[in-house]
Amino acid sequence: MKVDEDKVDEAVLALLQLTLHDGCRSWKSFDWDVMNRLHEKGLIGNPVGKSKSVLLTEDGLKESERLFKKFFAKHD
């Protein structure tokens, strides 16, 4: 099966909203390849290191919130 990595990246970026803390940090418990791609796209800080969380950039925060609403918000 071919995987659309851009769609996976969007889903992971949206899910980072679930563990958002300290305003702009999120737990980095996702696939390393995805996290590296998000870093390369300028949406998160470098995920490599001892810290268990990653910094979302200003653009990353905005896009994460937008995607979370797109994928998971109820539209009653």
PDB file of N, CA and C in Angstrom:
ATOM      1  N   MET A   1       0.843  -1.171   0.000  1.00  0.00           N
ATOM      2  CA  MET A   1       0.000   0.000   0.000  1.00  0.00           C
ATOM      3  C   MET A   1       0.891   1.238   0.000  1.00  0.00           C
ATOM      4  N   LYS A   2       0.561   2.191  -0.850  1.00  0.00           N
ATOM      5  CA  LYS A   2       1.255   3.469  -0.848  1.00  0.00           C
ATOM      6  C   LYS A   2       0.598   4.374   0.188  1.00  0.00           C
ATOM      7  N   VAL A   3       1.422   5.065   0.934  1.00  0.00           N
ATOM      8  CA  VAL A   3       0.936   5.959   1.980  1.00  0.00           C
ATOM      9  C   VAL A   3       1.181   7.400   1.553  1.00  0.00           C
ATOM     10  N   ASP A   4       0.171   8.227   1.703  1.00  0.00           N
ATOM     11  CA  ASP A   4       0.303   9.658   1.428  1.00  0.00           C
ATOM     12  C   ASP A   4       0.910  10.303   2.668  1.00  0.00           C
ATOM     13  N   GLU A   5       2.210  10.528   2.643  1.00  0.00           N
ATOM     14  CA  GLU A   5       2.913  11.049   3.808  1.00  0.00           C
ATOM     15  C   GLU A   5       2.411  12.431   4.217  1.00  0.00           C
ATOM     16  N   ASP A   6       1.978  13.236   3.263  1.00  0.00           N
ATOM     17  CA  ASP A   6       1.454  14.562   3.609  1.00  0.00           C
ATOM     18  C   ASP A   6       0.191  14.445   4.463  1.00  0.00           C
ATOM     19  N   LYS A   7      -0.667  13.479   4.139  1.00  0.00           N
ATOM     20  CA  LYS A   7      -1.883  13.281   4.940  1.00  0.00           C
ATOM     21  C   LYS A   7      -1.534  12.772   6.334  1.00  0.00           C
ATOM     22  N   VAL A   8      -0.555  11.876   6.414  1.00  0.00           N
ATOM     23  CA  VAL A   8      -0.104  11.377   7.721  1.00  0.00           C
ATOM     24  C   VAL A   8       0.454  12.534   8.537  1.00  0.00           C
ATOM     25  N   ASP A   9       1.271  13.376   7.906  1.00  0.00           N
ATOM     26  CA  ASP A   9       1.843  14.538   8.594  1.00  0.00           C
ATOM     27  C   ASP A   9       0.748  15.461   9.118  1.00  0.00           C
ATOM     28  N   GLU A  10      -0.279  15.693   8.308  1.00  0.00           N
ATOM     29  CA  GLU A  10      -1.394  16.542   8.744  1.00  0.00           C
ATOM     30  C   GLU A  10      -2.103  15.934   9.948  1.00  0.00           C
ATOM     31  N   ALA A  11      -2.342  14.635   9.904  1.00  0.00           N
ATOM     32  CA  ALA A  11      -3.040  13.978  11.017  1.00  0.00           C
ATOM     33  C   ALA A  11      -2.219  14.059  12.301  1.00  0.00           C
ATOM     34  N   VAL A  12      -0.927  13.806  12.205  1.00  0.00           N
ATOM     35  CA  VAL A  12      -0.075  13.875  13.396  1.00  0.00           C
ATOM     36  C   VAL A  12      -0.011  15.301  13.920  1.00  0.00           C
ATOM     37  N   LEU A  13       0.137  16.272  13.034  1.00  0.00           N
ATOM     38  CA  LEU A  13       0.170  17.665  13.479  1.00  0.00           C
ATOM     39  C   LEU A  13      -1.134  18.030  14.189  1.00  0.00           C
ATOM     40  N   ALA A  14      -2.259  17.564  13.672  1.00  0.00           N
ATOM     41  CA  ALA A  14      -3.544  17.805  14.333  1.00  0.00           C
ATOM     42  C   ALA A  14      -3.576  17.141  15.705  1.00  0.00           C
ATOM     43  N   LEU A  15      -3.098  15.924  15.804  1.00  0.00           N
ATOM     44  CA  LEU A  15      -3.133  15.196  17.069  1.00  0.00           C
ATOM     45  C   LEU A  15      -2.193  15.774  18.123  1.00  0.00           C
ATOM     46  N   LEU A  16      -1.193  16.525  17.697  1.00  0.00           N
ATOM     47  CA  LEU A  16      -0.325  17.184  18.672  1.00  0.00           C
ATOM     48  C   LEU A  16      -1.114  18.138  19.558  1.00  0.00           C
ATOM     49  N   GLN A  17      -2.283  18.582  19.096  1.00  0.00           N
ATOM     50  CA  GLN A  17      -3.164  19.437  19.906  1.00  0.00           C
ATOM     51  C   GLN A  17      -3.604  18.734  21.190  1.00  0.00           C
ATOM     52  N   LEU A  18      -3.719  17.420  21.142  1.00  0.00           N
ATOM     53  CA  LEU A  18      -4.228  16.668  22.298  1.00  0.00           C
ATOM     54  C   LEU A  18      -3.300  16.730  23.507  1.00  0.00           C
ATOM     55  N   THR A  19      -2.009  16.885  23.268  1.00  0.00           N
ATOM     56  CA  THR A  19      -1.070  16.906  24.388  1.00  0.00           C
ATOM     57  C   THR A  19      -0.362  18.251  24.501  1.00  0.00           C
ATOM     58  N   LEU A  20      -0.971  19.278  23.949  1.00  0.00           N
ATOM     59  CA  LEU A  20      -0.399  20.625  24.000  1.00  0.00           C
ATOM     60  C   LEU A  20      -0.335  21.106  25.449  1.00  0.00           C
ATOM     61  N   HIS A  21       0.809  21.619  25.843  1.00  0.00           N
ATOM     62  CA  HIS A  21       0.991  22.165  27.192  1.00  0.00           C
ATOM     63  C   HIS A  21       1.998  23.317  27.138  1.00  0.00           C
ATOM     64  N   ASP A  22       2.035  24.112  28.166  1.00  0.00           N
ATOM     65  CA  ASP A  22       2.936  25.265  28.237  1.00  0.00           C
ATOM     66  C   ASP A  22       2.797  26.180  27.018  1.00  0.00           C
ATOM     67  N   GLY A  23       1.610  26.194  26.441  1.00  0.00           N
ATOM     68  CA  GLY A  23       1.329  27.098  25.335  1.00  0.00           C
ATOM     69  C   GLY A  23       1.762  26.645  23.961  1.00  0.00           C
ATOM     70  N   CYS A  24       2.923  25.994  23.876  1.00  0.00           N
ATOM     71  CA  CYS A  24       3.426  25.653  22.541  1.00  0.00           C
ATOM     72  C   CYS A  24       4.245  24.362  22.511  1.00  0.00           C
ATOM     73  N   ARG A  25       4.109  23.530  23.523  1.00  0.00           N
ATOM     74  CA  ARG A  25       4.848  22.263  23.555  1.00  0.00           C
ATOM     75  C   ARG A  25       3.859  21.106  23.517  1.00  0.00           C
ATOM     76  N   SER A  26       4.305  20.005  22.913  1.00  0.00           N
ATOM     77  CA  SER A  26       3.464  18.820  22.827  1.00  0.00           C
ATOM     78  C   SER A  26       4.348  17.590  22.976  1.00  0.00           C
ATOM     79  N   TRP A  27       3.800  16.540  23.544  1.00  0.00           N
ATOM     80  CA  TRP A  27       4.561  15.305  23.697  1.00  0.00           C
ATOM     81  C   TRP A  27       4.881  14.746  22.318  1.00  0.00           C
ATOM     82  N   LYS A  28       6.082  14.260  22.153  1.00  0.00           N
ATOM     83  CA  LYS A  28       6.546  13.794  20.849  1.00  0.00           C
ATOM     84  C   LYS A  28       6.524  12.269  20.761  1.00  0.00           C
ATOM     85  N   SER A  29       5.364  11.704  20.952  1.00  0.00           N
ATOM     86  CA  SER A  29       5.228  10.246  20.984  1.00  0.00           C
ATOM     87  C   SER A  29       4.752   9.668  19.651  1.00  0.00           C
ATOM     88  N   PHE A  30       5.105  10.313  18.557  1.00  0.00           N
ATOM     89  CA  PHE A  30       4.716   9.837  17.236  1.00  0.00           C
ATOM     90  C   PHE A  30       5.934   9.324  16.487  1.00  0.00           C
ATOM     91  N   ASP A  31       5.677   8.708  15.367  1.00  0.00           N
ATOM     92  CA  ASP A  31       6.711   8.150  14.508  1.00  0.00           C
ATOM     93  C   ASP A  31       7.802   9.189  14.227  1.00  0.00           C
ATOM     94  N   TRP A  32       9.059   8.759  14.338  1.00  0.00           N
ATOM     95  CA  TRP A  32      10.186   9.679  14.167  1.00  0.00           C
ATOM     96  C   TRP A  32      10.258  10.250  12.760  1.00  0.00           C
ATOM     97  N   ASP A  33       9.937   9.455  11.756  1.00  0.00           N
ATOM     98  CA  ASP A  33       9.973   9.963  10.381  1.00  0.00           C
ATOM     99  C   ASP A  33       8.985  11.102  10.200  1.00  0.00           C
ATOM    100  N   VAL A  34       7.791  10.945  10.767  1.00  0.00           N
ATOM    101  CA  VAL A  34       6.778  12.003  10.677  1.00  0.00           C
ATOM    102  C   VAL A  34       7.266  13.248  11.403  1.00  0.00           C
ATOM    103  N   MET A  35       7.794  13.065  12.600  1.00  0.00           N
ATOM    104  CA  MET A  35       8.268  14.210  13.376  1.00  0.00           C
ATOM    105  C   MET A  35       9.394  14.936  12.639  1.00  0.00           C
ATOM    106  N   ASN A  36      10.284  14.188  12.011  1.00  0.00           N
ATOM    107  CA  ASN A  36      11.361  14.812  11.244  1.00  0.00           C
ATOM    108  C   ASN A  36      10.814  15.598  10.054  1.00  0.00           C
ATOM    109  N   ARG A  37       9.793  15.061   9.371  1.00  0.00           N
ATOM    110  CA  ARG A  37       9.197  15.785   8.246  1.00  0.00           C
ATOM    111  C   ARG A  37       8.533  17.073   8.726  1.00  0.00           C
ATOM    112  N   LEU A  38       7.834  17.014   9.867  1.00  0.00           N
ATOM    113  CA  LEU A  38       7.205  18.225  10.406  1.00  0.00           C
ATOM    114  C   LEU A  38       8.263  19.268  10.754  1.00  0.00           C
ATOM    115  N   HIS A  39       9.386  18.807  11.259  1.00  0.00           N
ATOM    116  CA  HIS A  39      10.498  19.719  11.559  1.00  0.00           C
ATOM    117  C   HIS A  39      11.034  20.334  10.266  1.00  0.00           C
ATOM    118  N   GLU A  40      11.218  19.515   9.236  1.00  0.00           N
ATOM    119  CA  GLU A  40      11.720  20.009   7.953  1.00  0.00           C
ATOM    120  C   GLU A  40      10.762  21.020   7.331  1.00  0.00           C
ATOM    121  N   LYS A  41       9.471  20.881   7.603  1.00  0.00           N
ATOM    122  CA  LYS A  41       8.463  21.811   7.082  1.00  0.00           C
ATOM    123  C   LYS A  41       8.365  23.079   7.928  1.00  0.00           C
ATOM    124  N   GLY A  42       9.129  23.148   9.029  1.00  0.00           N
ATOM    125  CA  GLY A  42       9.138  24.335   9.875  1.00  0.00           C
ATOM    126  C   GLY A  42       7.950  24.432  10.816  1.00  0.00           C
ATOM    127  N   LEU A  43       7.284  23.297  11.080  1.00  0.00           N
ATOM    128  CA  LEU A  43       6.092  23.312  11.930  1.00  0.00           C
ATOM    129  C   LEU A  43       6.390  22.981  13.391  1.00  0.00           C
ATOM    130  N   ILE A  44       7.506  22.297  13.629  1.00  0.00           N
ATOM    131  CA  ILE A  44       7.931  21.978  14.989  1.00  0.00           C
ATOM    132  C   ILE A  44       9.437  22.196  15.094  1.00  0.00           C
ATOM    133  N   GLY A  45       9.892  22.333  16.335  1.00  0.00           N
ATOM    134  CA  GLY A  45      11.327  22.421  16.563  1.00  0.00           C
ATOM    135  C   GLY A  45      11.962  21.056  16.341  1.00  0.00           C
ATOM    136  N   ASN A  46      13.260  21.008  16.464  1.00  0.00           N
ATOM    137  CA  ASN A  46      13.985  19.758  16.254  1.00  0.00           C
ATOM    138  C   ASN A  46      13.526  18.714  17.266  1.00  0.00           C
ATOM    139  N   PRO A  47      12.995  17.568  16.799  1.00  0.00           N
ATOM    140  CA  PRO A  47      12.493  16.562  17.724  1.00  0.00           C
ATOM    141  C   PRO A  47      13.589  15.687  18.336  1.00  0.00           C
ATOM    142  N   VAL A  48      14.804  15.801  17.833  1.00  0.00           N
ATOM    143  CA  VAL A  48      15.902  14.981  18.329  1.00  0.00           C
ATOM    144  C   VAL A  48      16.422  15.576  19.631  1.00  0.00           C
ATOM    145  N   GLY A  49      16.524  14.748  20.639  1.00  0.00           N
ATOM    146  CA  GLY A  49      17.040  15.196  21.929  1.00  0.00           C
ATOM    147  C   GLY A  49      16.383  14.441  23.064  1.00  0.00           C
ATOM    148  N   LYS A  50      16.808  14.744  24.268  1.00  0.00           N
ATOM    149  CA  LYS A  50      16.331  14.037  25.451  1.00  0.00           C
ATOM    150  C   LYS A  50      14.946  14.468  25.912  1.00  0.00           C
ATOM    151  N   SER A  51      14.531  15.653  25.527  1.00  0.00           N
ATOM    152  CA  SER A  51      13.226  16.153  25.947  1.00  0.00           C
ATOM    153  C   SER A  51      12.108  15.249  25.427  1.00  0.00           C
ATOM    154  N   LYS A  52      11.078  15.070  26.233  1.00  0.00           N
ATOM    155  CA  LYS A  52       9.943  14.239  25.830  1.00  0.00           C
ATOM    156  C   LYS A  52       8.878  15.026  25.097  1.00  0.00           C
ATOM    157  N   SER A  53       9.108  16.334  24.973  1.00  0.00           N
ATOM    158  CA  SER A  53       8.150  17.160  24.250  1.00  0.00           C
ATOM    159  C   SER A  53       8.877  17.945  23.165  1.00  0.00           C
ATOM    160  N   VAL A  54       8.086  18.488  22.261  1.00  0.00           N
ATOM    161  CA  VAL A  54       8.630  19.238  21.149  1.00  0.00           C
ATOM    162  C   VAL A  54       7.927  20.597  21.081  1.00  0.00           C
ATOM    163  N   LEU A  55       8.653  21.591  20.647  1.00  0.00           N
ATOM    164  CA  LEU A  55       8.126  22.944  20.511  1.00  0.00           C
ATOM    165  C   LEU A  55       7.447  23.094  19.157  1.00  0.00           C
ATOM    166  N   LEU A  56       6.211  23.566  19.161  1.00  0.00           N
ATOM    167  CA  LEU A  56       5.542  23.890  17.909  1.00  0.00           C
ATOM    168  C   LEU A  56       5.875  25.336  17.561  1.00  0.00           C
ATOM    169  N   THR A  57       6.194  25.569  16.295  1.00  0.00           N
ATOM    170  CA  THR A  57       6.461  26.928  15.850  1.00  0.00           C
ATOM    171  C   THR A  57       5.142  27.692  15.809  1.00  0.00           C
ATOM    172  N   GLU A  58       5.212  28.989  15.599  1.00  0.00           N
ATOM    173  CA  GLU A  58       3.990  29.792  15.496  1.00  0.00           C
ATOM    174  C   GLU A  58       3.109  29.265  14.363  1.00  0.00           C
ATOM    175  N   ASP A  59       3.723  28.987  13.215  1.00  0.00           N
ATOM    176  CA  ASP A  59       2.966  28.427  12.091  1.00  0.00           C
ATOM    177  C   ASP A  59       2.440  27.035  12.423  1.00  0.00           C
ATOM    178  N   GLY A  60       3.248  26.264  13.132  1.00  0.00           N
ATOM    179  CA  GLY A  60       2.837  24.923  13.514  1.00  0.00           C
ATOM    180  C   GLY A  60       1.637  24.930  14.443  1.00  0.00           C
ATOM    181  N   LEU A  61       1.627  25.861  15.396  1.00  0.00           N
ATOM    182  CA  LEU A  61       0.484  25.984  16.314  1.00  0.00           C
ATOM    183  C   LEU A  61      -0.797  26.311  15.560  1.00  0.00           C
ATOM    184  N   LYS A  62      -0.713  27.270  14.659  1.00  0.00           N
ATOM    185  CA  LYS A  62      -1.889  27.674  13.893  1.00  0.00           C
ATOM    186  C   LYS A  62      -2.394  26.529  13.015  1.00  0.00           C
ATOM    187  N   GLU A  63      -1.462  25.873  12.340  1.00  0.00           N
ATOM    188  CA  GLU A  63      -1.850  24.786  11.436  1.00  0.00           C
ATOM    189  C   GLU A  63      -2.369  23.582  12.220  1.00  0.00           C
ATOM    190  N   SER A  64      -1.776  23.297  13.348  1.00  0.00           N
ATOM    191  CA  SER A  64      -2.231  22.197  14.191  1.00  0.00           C
ATOM    192  C   SER A  64      -3.668  22.418  14.644  1.00  0.00           C
ATOM    193  N   GLU A  65      -3.972  23.630  15.085  1.00  0.00           N
ATOM    194  CA  GLU A  65      -5.331  23.946  15.524  1.00  0.00           C
ATOM    195  C   GLU A  65      -6.316  23.858  14.360  1.00  0.00           C
ATOM    196  N   ARG A  66      -5.920  24.386  13.203  1.00  0.00           N
ATOM    197  CA  ARG A  66      -6.793  24.349  12.024  1.00  0.00           C
ATOM    198  C   ARG A  66      -7.094  22.907  11.613  1.00  0.00           C
ATOM    199  N   LEU A  67      -6.056  22.084  11.587  1.00  0.00           N
ATOM    200  CA  LEU A  67      -6.243  20.690  11.179  1.00  0.00           C
ATOM    201  C   LEU A  67      -7.040  19.905  12.215  1.00  0.00           C
ATOM    202  N   PHE A  68      -6.821  20.200  13.500  1.00  0.00           N
ATOM    203  CA  PHE A  68      -7.586  19.512  14.536  1.00  0.00           C
ATOM    204  C   PHE A  68      -9.080  19.786  14.352  1.00  0.00           C
ATOM    205  N   LYS A  69      -9.421  21.052  14.109  1.00  0.00           N
ATOM    206  CA  LYS A  69     -10.823  21.413  13.876  1.00  0.00           C
ATOM    207  C   LYS A  69     -11.354  20.738  12.616  1.00  0.00           C
ATOM    208  N   LYS A  70     -10.549  20.725  11.569  1.00  0.00           N
ATOM    209  CA  LYS A  70     -10.948  20.113  10.296  1.00  0.00           C
ATOM    210  C   LYS A  70     -11.272  18.628  10.466  1.00  0.00           C
ATOM    211  N   PHE A  71     -10.399  17.905  11.169  1.00  0.00           N
ATOM    212  CA  PHE A  71     -10.543  16.462  11.284  1.00  0.00           C
ATOM    213  C   PHE A  71     -11.458  16.003  12.419  1.00  0.00           C
ATOM    214  N   PHE A  72     -11.527  16.769  13.510  1.00  0.00           N
ATOM    215  CA  PHE A  72     -12.160  16.235  14.705  1.00  0.00           C
ATOM    216  C   PHE A  72     -13.293  17.054  15.305  1.00  0.00           C
ATOM    217  N   ALA A  73     -13.545  18.251  14.802  1.00  0.00           N
ATOM    218  CA  ALA A  73     -14.632  19.066  15.365  1.00  0.00           C
ATOM    219  C   ALA A  73     -15.988  18.537  14.932  1.00  0.00           C
ATOM    220  N   LYS A  74     -16.927  18.551  15.875  1.00  0.00           N
ATOM    221  CA  LYS A  74     -18.304  18.164  15.552  1.00  0.00           C
ATOM    222  C   LYS A  74     -19.004  19.355  14.918  1.00  0.00           C
ATOM    223  N   HIS A  75     -19.769  19.063  13.902  1.00  0.00           N
ATOM    224  CA  HIS A  75     -20.523  20.111  13.208  1.00  0.00           C
ATOM    225  C   HIS A  75     -22.000  19.810  13.371  1.00  0.00           C
ATOM    226  N   ASP A  76     -22.572  20.291  14.478  1.00  0.00           N
ATOM    227  CA  ASP A  76     -23.973  20.019  14.777  1.00  0.00           C
ATOM    228  C   ASP A  76     -24.890  20.959  14.035  1.00  0.00           C
TER     229      ASP A  76
END
